[in-house]
Structure formats: C-alpha cells, structure tokens
Protein backbone atom coordinates (compact mmCIF):
# COMPACT_ATOMS: atom_id res chain seq x y z
CA MET A 1 -28.40 4.24 -9.52
CA LYS A 2 -24.88 4.58 -8.11
CA SER A 3 -23.42 3.80 -11.52
CA LEU A 4 -25.55 6.50 -13.11
CA ARG A 5 -24.42 9.04 -10.56
CA PHE A 6 -20.79 8.19 -11.24
CA LEU A 7 -21.31 8.43 -14.99
CA ALA A 8 -22.93 11.80 -14.46
CA ALA A 9 -19.82 12.86 -12.57
CA CYS A 10 -17.72 11.69 -15.49
CA ALA A 11 -19.91 13.76 -17.79
CA LEU A 12 -19.04 16.81 -15.74
CA VAL A 13 -15.34 16.03 -16.10
CA ALA A 14 -15.78 15.87 -19.85
CA VAL A 15 -16.62 19.57 -19.97
CA ILE A 16 -13.66 20.73 -17.86
CA PRO A 17 -11.75 23.32 -19.87
CA PRO A 18 -8.26 22.39 -21.19
CA GLY A 19 -6.60 24.70 -18.71
CA GLY A 20 -8.13 22.80 -15.81
CA LEU A 21 -10.22 24.00 -12.92
CA PRO A 22 -9.23 26.87 -10.64
CA ILE A 23 -8.02 25.60 -7.28
CA SER A 24 -6.97 27.43 -4.16
CA SER A 25 -3.69 25.61 -3.64
CA GLU A 26 -1.16 23.69 -5.67
CA THR A 27 0.43 20.33 -5.07
CA PRO A 28 4.04 20.90 -4.03
CA ASP A 29 6.88 19.71 -6.22
CA LEU A 30 7.81 16.07 -5.87
CA PRO A 31 10.54 15.48 -3.29
CA ASP A 32 14.09 14.74 -4.37
CA LEU A 33 14.61 11.26 -2.92
CA THR A 34 17.75 9.14 -2.70
CA ALA A 35 15.73 5.99 -3.50
CA THR A 36 16.20 4.44 -6.93
CA ALA A 37 12.55 3.33 -7.07
CA TRP A 38 9.56 4.60 -5.12
CA ALA A 39 5.78 4.96 -5.12
CA ILE A 40 3.12 6.79 -3.11
CA TYR A 41 -0.40 5.36 -3.21
CA ASP A 42 -3.78 6.61 -1.95
CA VAL A 43 -5.53 3.48 -0.65
CA ASP A 44 -9.04 4.91 -0.32
CA ALA A 45 -9.02 6.43 -3.79
CA GLY A 46 -7.26 3.45 -5.34
CA VAL A 47 -4.84 5.76 -7.16
CA ASN A 48 -1.06 5.85 -7.50
CA LEU A 49 -0.31 9.51 -6.72
CA ALA A 50 3.27 9.46 -8.00
CA SER A 51 6.10 7.03 -8.63
CA GLN A 52 9.55 6.53 -10.10
CA ASN A 53 10.85 3.27 -11.58
CA ALA A 54 7.96 1.63 -9.75
CA ASP A 55 7.77 -1.36 -12.13
CA GLU A 56 11.51 -2.00 -12.05
CA GLU A 57 12.31 -5.46 -10.61
CA ARG A 58 14.69 -5.14 -7.65
CA PRO A 59 15.89 -7.14 -4.61
CA MET A 60 13.49 -6.51 -1.72
CA ALA A 61 15.31 -7.58 1.48
CA SER A 62 13.13 -8.11 4.56
CA VAL A 63 9.99 -6.49 3.18
CA THR A 64 9.68 -10.02 1.77
CA LYS A 65 8.16 -10.83 5.15
CA ILE A 66 4.95 -9.03 4.20
CA MET A 67 4.30 -11.84 1.73
CA THR A 68 5.46 -14.40 4.30
CA ALA A 69 2.84 -13.11 6.71
CA LEU A 70 0.08 -13.16 4.08
CA VAL A 71 0.78 -16.81 3.21
CA VAL A 72 0.93 -17.85 6.87
CA ARG A 73 -2.41 -16.19 7.58
CA ASP A 74 -3.99 -17.99 4.62
CA HIS A 75 -3.01 -21.49 5.73
CA VAL A 76 -2.69 -21.92 9.50
CA GLU A 77 -4.31 -20.77 12.75
CA MET A 78 -2.55 -18.42 15.12
CA ASP A 79 -2.68 -20.80 18.10
CA GLU A 80 -1.00 -23.73 16.31
CA ARG A 81 2.32 -24.79 17.83
CA VAL A 82 5.51 -25.05 15.81
CA ARG A 83 8.52 -27.14 16.87
CA ILE A 84 11.74 -25.33 16.00
CA THR A 85 14.27 -27.20 13.85
CA GLU A 86 18.04 -26.81 13.94
CA PHE A 87 17.92 -25.39 10.42
CA ALA A 88 15.48 -22.63 11.41
CA ALA A 89 17.36 -21.79 14.60
CA ALA A 90 20.63 -21.47 12.68
CA THR A 91 19.29 -18.84 10.27
CA GLY A 92 21.37 -15.73 10.82
CA GLU A 93 21.34 -11.98 10.29
CA ALA A 94 18.27 -10.51 12.07
CA GLU A 95 16.89 -13.06 14.54
CA ILE A 96 14.77 -13.46 17.66
CA GLY A 97 16.87 -16.28 19.09
CA ILE A 98 14.67 -19.36 18.81
CA ALA A 99 16.27 -22.63 19.92
CA PRO A 100 16.03 -26.14 18.43
CA GLY A 101 13.29 -28.23 20.00
CA GLU A 102 11.32 -25.28 21.39
CA LEU A 103 7.59 -24.99 20.76
CA TRP A 104 6.36 -21.59 19.59
CA THR A 105 2.87 -20.56 18.57
CA VAL A 106 2.31 -19.31 15.05
CA LYS A 107 1.21 -15.99 16.56
CA ASP A 108 4.49 -15.48 18.44
CA LEU A 109 6.62 -16.48 15.47
CA LEU A 110 4.69 -14.17 13.16
CA THR A 111 5.04 -11.34 15.67
CA ALA A 112 8.79 -11.93 15.72
CA VAL A 113 8.80 -11.84 11.92
CA LEU A 114 6.97 -8.54 11.56
CA VAL A 115 8.25 -6.67 14.64
CA ARG A 116 11.84 -7.92 15.02
CA SER A 117 12.21 -9.03 11.38
CA GLY A 118 13.36 -12.42 12.65
CA ASN A 119 14.81 -14.53 9.86
CA ASP A 120 14.89 -17.57 12.13
CA ALA A 121 11.19 -17.19 12.90
CA ALA A 122 10.42 -16.77 9.18
CA VAL A 123 12.18 -20.04 8.33
CA ALA A 124 10.42 -21.84 11.19
CA LEU A 125 7.05 -20.75 9.80
CA ALA A 126 8.06 -21.64 6.24
CA GLU A 127 9.01 -25.17 7.28
CA TYR A 128 5.80 -25.61 9.25
CA VAL A 129 3.43 -24.19 6.64
CA GLY A 130 5.15 -25.27 3.42
CA GLY A 131 7.07 -28.34 4.55
CA SER A 132 10.31 -26.67 3.48
CA VAL A 133 11.64 -23.29 2.46
CA GLU A 134 11.26 -24.31 -1.19
CA GLY A 135 7.71 -25.49 -0.69
CA PHE A 136 6.80 -22.28 1.10
CA ALA A 137 8.35 -20.20 -1.69
CA ASP A 138 6.01 -21.95 -4.13
CA MET A 139 3.10 -20.86 -1.92
CA MET A 140 4.44 -17.30 -1.90
CA ASN A 141 4.54 -17.24 -5.68
CA ALA A 142 1.00 -18.63 -5.87
CA LYS A 143 -0.13 -15.83 -3.54
CA ALA A 144 1.69 -13.32 -5.74
CA ASP A 145 -0.30 -14.56 -8.73
CA GLU A 146 -3.51 -14.24 -6.71
CA LEU A 147 -2.70 -10.62 -5.84
CA GLY A 148 -1.81 -9.79 -9.45
CA LEU A 149 1.87 -9.11 -8.74
CA GLU A 150 3.44 -9.05 -12.18
CA GLY A 151 6.99 -8.12 -11.20
CA SER A 152 7.65 -10.37 -8.20
CA ARG A 153 9.19 -13.74 -7.52
CA PHE A 154 10.10 -15.33 -4.20
CA VAL A 155 12.65 -18.02 -3.32
CA ASN A 156 12.77 -17.61 0.49
CA PRO A 157 10.62 -16.29 3.37
CA HIS A 158 13.09 -13.77 4.83
CA GLY A 159 14.52 -11.74 1.93
CA LEU A 160 18.21 -12.46 2.29
CA ASP A 161 19.90 -11.91 -1.06
CA ALA A 162 19.26 -14.73 -3.53
CA ASP A 163 19.14 -14.99 -7.29
CA GLY A 164 15.59 -14.88 -8.61
CA HIS A 165 14.18 -13.13 -5.54
CA TYR A 166 12.77 -9.72 -6.47
CA THR A 167 9.77 -7.40 -6.54
CA THR A 168 8.76 -3.88 -7.60
CA ALA A 169 7.63 -0.79 -5.72
CA ASN A 170 4.14 -1.13 -7.20
CA ASP A 171 3.93 -4.77 -6.13
CA LEU A 172 5.00 -3.84 -2.61
CA VAL A 173 2.13 -1.37 -2.51
CA LYS A 174 -0.29 -4.20 -3.36
CA MET A 175 1.21 -6.44 -0.70
CA ALA A 176 0.94 -3.74 1.95
CA VAL A 177 -2.68 -2.99 1.07
CA ALA A 178 -3.55 -6.69 1.31
CA ALA A 179 -1.76 -7.04 4.64
CA MET A 180 -3.42 -3.96 6.16
CA GLU A 181 -6.81 -5.48 5.37
CA ASP A 182 -5.98 -8.25 7.86
CA PRO A 183 -6.57 -6.83 11.38
CA VAL A 184 -4.07 -9.27 12.94
CA LEU A 185 -1.26 -8.24 10.59
CA ALA A 186 -2.23 -4.57 10.83
CA ARG A 187 -1.92 -4.74 14.63
CA MET A 188 1.46 -6.46 14.45
CA ALA A 189 2.73 -3.94 11.91
CA ARG A 190 2.17 -1.07 14.36
CA THR A 191 3.61 -2.87 17.41
CA ARG A 192 6.79 -1.29 18.72
CA LEU A 193 7.86 -3.67 21.50
CA VAL A 194 7.14 -7.30 22.41
CA LYS A 195 8.68 -9.40 25.20
CA PHE A 196 8.73 -13.16 24.62
CA ARG A 197 9.53 -15.85 27.19
CA PRO A 198 13.24 -16.20 28.05
CA ASP A 199 15.45 -18.49 25.97
CA PRO A 200 16.66 -21.83 27.39
CA ALA A 201 19.56 -20.01 29.06
CA GLY A 202 17.16 -17.63 30.83
CA VAL A 203 17.91 -14.59 28.67
CA ASP A 204 14.92 -12.38 27.85
CA ARG A 205 13.91 -12.25 24.19
CA ILE A 206 12.68 -8.78 23.32
CA ALA A 207 11.48 -7.69 19.89
CA ARG A 208 11.78 -4.00 19.14
CA SER A 209 10.35 -2.74 15.88
CA THR A 210 12.87 -1.97 13.18
CA ASN A 211 10.56 0.77 11.86
CA LYS A 212 11.80 3.97 13.48
CA LEU A 213 8.88 5.98 12.12
CA LEU A 214 6.42 4.20 14.43
CA GLY A 215 5.52 6.43 17.34
CA VAL A 216 7.68 9.25 15.95
CA TYR A 217 6.11 10.32 12.68
CA PRO A 218 2.42 11.17 13.30
CA GLY A 219 0.00 8.88 11.53
CA VAL A 220 2.42 6.09 10.61
CA ILE A 221 0.90 2.70 11.44
CA GLY A 222 3.34 0.31 9.70
CA PHE A 223 4.66 -1.56 7.88
CA LYS A 224 8.12 -3.11 7.21
CA THR A 225 11.80 -2.26 6.82
CA GLY A 226 14.51 -4.10 4.93
CA PHE A 227 18.20 -4.01 4.11
CA THR A 228 20.70 -6.19 2.27
CA ASN A 229 23.79 -5.34 0.25
CA ARG A 230 21.95 -5.94 -3.02
CA ALA A 231 18.66 -4.31 -2.07
CA GLY A 232 19.99 -1.32 -0.18
CA LEU A 233 17.62 0.26 2.33
CA VAL A 234 13.96 -0.55 1.69
CA LEU A 235 10.87 0.66 3.55
CA VAL A 236 7.16 0.14 3.10
CA SER A 237 5.21 2.72 5.12
CA VAL A 238 1.51 3.05 5.84
CA MET A 239 0.15 6.34 7.16
CA GLU A 240 -3.30 7.55 8.15
CA VAL A 241 -3.88 11.26 7.56
CA GLY A 242 -7.38 12.63 8.00
CA ASP A 243 -9.77 10.28 6.23
CA ARG A 244 -7.06 9.00 3.91
CA THR A 245 -4.63 6.09 4.09
CA LEU A 246 -1.35 6.37 2.19
CA VAL A 247 1.20 3.68 1.34
CA GLY A 248 4.74 4.83 0.59
CA VAL A 249 7.48 2.57 -0.78
CA VAL A 250 11.17 3.38 -1.20
CA MET A 251 13.68 0.89 -2.64
CA ASN A 252 17.48 1.06 -2.78
CA SER A 253 17.46 4.19 -0.64
CA GLN A 254 20.41 5.85 1.02
CA ALA A 255 18.17 7.10 3.85
CA HIS A 256 14.91 5.17 3.85
CA PHE A 257 13.36 6.88 6.87
CA ASP A 258 14.13 10.37 5.55
CA ASP A 259 12.94 9.45 2.06
CA SER A 260 9.73 7.98 3.43
CA ARG A 261 8.99 11.03 5.57
CA GLU A 262 9.38 13.30 2.57
CA LEU A 263 7.26 11.02 0.40
CA LEU A 264 4.48 10.76 2.98
CA ASP A 265 4.63 14.53 3.54
CA TRP A 266 4.14 15.04 -0.17
CA GLY A 267 1.27 12.57 -0.35
CA ALA A 268 -0.48 14.14 2.62
CA SER A 269 -0.22 17.66 1.19
CA ALA A 270 -1.01 16.76 -2.41
CA VAL A 271 -4.17 18.47 -3.65
CA THR A 272 -6.94 15.93 -3.90
CA LEU A 273 -9.72 16.29 -6.44
CA ARG A 274 -12.33 17.48 -3.94
CA ASP A 275 -11.44 21.18 -4.10
CA ALA A 276 -10.60 21.07 -7.79
CA LEU A 277 -13.84 19.42 -8.86
CA LEU A 278 -16.19 21.20 -6.50
CA ALA A 279 -14.80 24.70 -7.01
CA PRO A 280 -17.04 25.58 -10.00
CA LEU A 281 -19.99 23.78 -8.42
CA ALA A 282 -19.99 25.72 -5.17
CA ILE A 283 -22.31 28.52 -4.18
CA GLU A 284 -20.89 31.44 -2.24
CA GLN A 285 -22.16 31.96 1.29
CA GLY A 286 -21.97 34.93 3.58
CA GLY A 287 -18.46 35.91 4.64
CA GLY A 288 -16.93 34.53 1.44
CA SER A 289 -17.34 30.86 2.40
CA THR A 290 -18.60 28.30 -0.07
CA GLN A 291 -20.80 25.28 0.14
CA ALA A 292 -20.56 22.52 -2.43
CA THR A 293 -23.74 21.70 -4.28
CA ILE A 294 -22.46 18.31 -5.50
CA ARG A 295 -20.38 15.91 -3.43
CA PHE A 296 -18.25 13.11 -4.83
CA THR A 297 -16.58 10.35 -2.85
CA ASN A 298 -12.79 10.42 -2.63
CA ALA A 299 -12.64 7.34 -4.83
CA GLN A 300 -14.84 8.94 -7.50
CA GLN A 301 -12.76 12.10 -7.48
CA ALA A 302 -9.49 10.23 -7.78
CA ARG A 303 -10.69 7.95 -10.54
CA MET A 304 -11.93 10.92 -12.51
CA SER A 305 -8.55 12.56 -12.12
CA SER A 306 -6.82 9.52 -13.57
CA VAL A 307 -8.62 9.98 -16.90
CA LYS A 308 -6.08 11.87 -18.97
CA ALA A 309 -6.89 13.87 -22.07
CA LEU A 310 -5.82 12.36 -25.40
CA ALA A 311 -3.81 14.31 -27.93
CA ASP A 312 -5.74 15.87 -30.82
CA GLY A 313 -6.40 13.41 -33.60
CA SER A 314 -5.69 10.35 -31.46
CA PHE A 315 -9.23 9.49 -30.48
CA ALA A 316 -12.68 8.96 -31.89
CA VAL A 317 -16.15 9.03 -30.37
CA SER A 318 -19.35 7.21 -31.21
CA ASP A 319 -22.85 8.63 -31.43
CA PRO A 320 -24.23 8.53 -27.84
CA THR A 321 -27.77 8.12 -29.13
CA ALA A 322 -26.82 4.72 -30.55
CA SER A 323 -26.55 3.26 -27.06
CA GLY A 324 -29.45 2.30 -24.80
CA LEU A 325 -27.28 3.05 -21.80
CA ALA A 326 -26.57 6.52 -23.16
CA GLU A 327 -30.31 7.15 -23.37
CA ARG A 328 -30.75 6.13 -19.75
CA ILE A 329 -27.91 8.39 -18.71
CA GLU A 330 -29.39 11.28 -20.67
CA GLN A 331 -32.80 10.80 -19.05
CA TRP A 332 -31.29 10.69 -15.61
CA LEU A 333 -29.13 13.76 -16.24
CA ARG A 334 -32.15 15.71 -17.45
CA SER A 335 -34.02 14.77 -14.29
CA GLN A 336 -31.16 15.68 -11.94
CA LEU A 337 -29.00 18.46 -13.33
CA PRO A 338 -31.64 21.22 -13.38
CA VAL A 339 -32.30 20.58 -9.72
CA THR A 340 -28.62 20.38 -8.81
CA LEU A 341 -27.03 23.02 -10.99
CA GLY A 342 -29.85 25.23 -12.11
CA GLY A 343 -30.46 26.28 -15.71
CA GLU A 344 -31.73 24.15 -18.57
C-alpha cells in the first residue's frame, strides 16, 4: 500500500504545470564559497541539494579518519587493548602523544583520532587492526567498495599527503552518513574535550576538537576537519536543523569554517518540497491560514523533486493500460482521490 501511495504522489507531480507550483518563499542564491569542491546533502530526504565539482578526485587530508573509524568499528571491540609501537609513536604532525610500549584501549585511541585528529593514534589502530598500515589501507579500500565510493582510494589511515590517496566531496558525504549511523562514532564526533591519562613523563594528554563549529554554530554535531599542503582546508560538517539532518563538505577551501557556515545556512534555508507540493492541495481556513489535505514524507517530497522534466522530443511513454500495475494504481487512485481532493 505504501508503494501505491507514493506512486499516487508521483502521479500528482506529473500534472504540475511547466512553470512550477506557487510557493511563498524562494531558495536563496547559492553562496559564493572559496572551496574548489563542495556538496550539501539532506540526509533524511536522501537528496544532494547542491554541489560543485563534487565528483572531482582530490586529496582529503585528515577527513580520511572517518574511513579509519568505520573500519575499526567493523573489526574490533572498543575495550580491546593495543600496545603502541615505536613506528606509531613516531608518526608526526597532529598527535596525541602516545609512547612506545604503552597499552591503550581501542576506544581511547579512536577518540584521539576523531577528536584530536591524532595521526599517531590512527597508525596504532591501523597496525593493530590490519597488521600494518598497508594491510589496513586494503581494508579501507574494501570498505569504500562496500559503501559504493567510486572516486576514493586510501593508502594510509591518517590522510597525510601521499600519491594515490584521494576522495571526492560526494564520497565524503557517504562516509559521514555511514559514520553518523554508528552511535559511538556520532558521540565522538560531537565531543569537544577529552582528558587522557598523563604520558610517561607525567604530562597531561588533552584532546581538544579541531572542529571550531562545535558548540559555536547551533545544530552542528560533527564531524571532521583536515588540512595538508596538497588538500588545502577540508571540512565535513553534520548539522541538525528542525527535523532535518544536513551534511556539508568543503574541499580545498581558503576558509573552511566560514565556507561551511555559509553552506549549512543555505541548506537550512533552502525551500523544501513540503510547501511547494502542498500549496495547491491546501484548503483555506479562517484567518487566511491553510491546512494541507495531503501529507507527504520529507523523503517522498525530495525524491519527487529530483525527477526533472525532459526536453520536448527526448522521451516516449507507453500505454498505461498495458500494465497490470498501472491498472492497480488506477483502481487505487479512483478509490482515494475523490475522497482526498474532491471532484470526479
């Protein structure tokens, strides 16, 4: 029955006039971002709202660690203990300060990876889970295939510049969506400060989130920053606004926090299909208010909006009466539409 209702909704879309439906507000113009590639995605609707160069393969820097976290969660338990090697401890750039011979839990190392962006912690996990950095990279690429990432390849767990290590804005959206479905990773992604036990010299090890939008920009709940000389500034952001969840990605940005704020602002204010589709199906109430007579889910509205009209002469249709399914749809429409819309 749900499928018939959705097909009925599609039938309504088919009769929308070429000029579109009257709506009370307009989506603002797309922001002018410094990022070379970007995307803004509505998770609940399953629709890419807007993008630029989103399938262009680019270095990804530390947002690599989203994939690192997904692979770790697939293969080991959070309370397992990892002995730190000299190789992992020597990994530079961003680090949490692990020392050779120490024992860390997977949970603490993964927290250091996602909150502090610890490259040393990422290598420690890669060695433990994959046997080596190379073995772990193979697992990352297998996970990429599982997620349907067509423009990504991984050669390390931290994202430091390396030949053959790249992704796309659209693939980063898919990674972020997958990670946010894991409650453990989702909680880590929104954590701003963690204090670990002191290092062997007695110095406190504190992880402060590299994502400056957390706790500052309302609704932002993650996810990961990145920067290298090749990649530029990169940021994957997740924001909850009303009953919607948005994922914004900016790559090779000159100001990734500013770009992401503008992109999330645009996504939050973009006109959804609810008002547009329900406007002609609403009945006026006293005081000029309206009440919709048909309600679609956000996902149904967004999917209907993604169906674009074809140019004249570029399409063909078949006789609907030749299909048994069409007959069922017709029968159901005849039973429902008079009650819902009135008329014959």
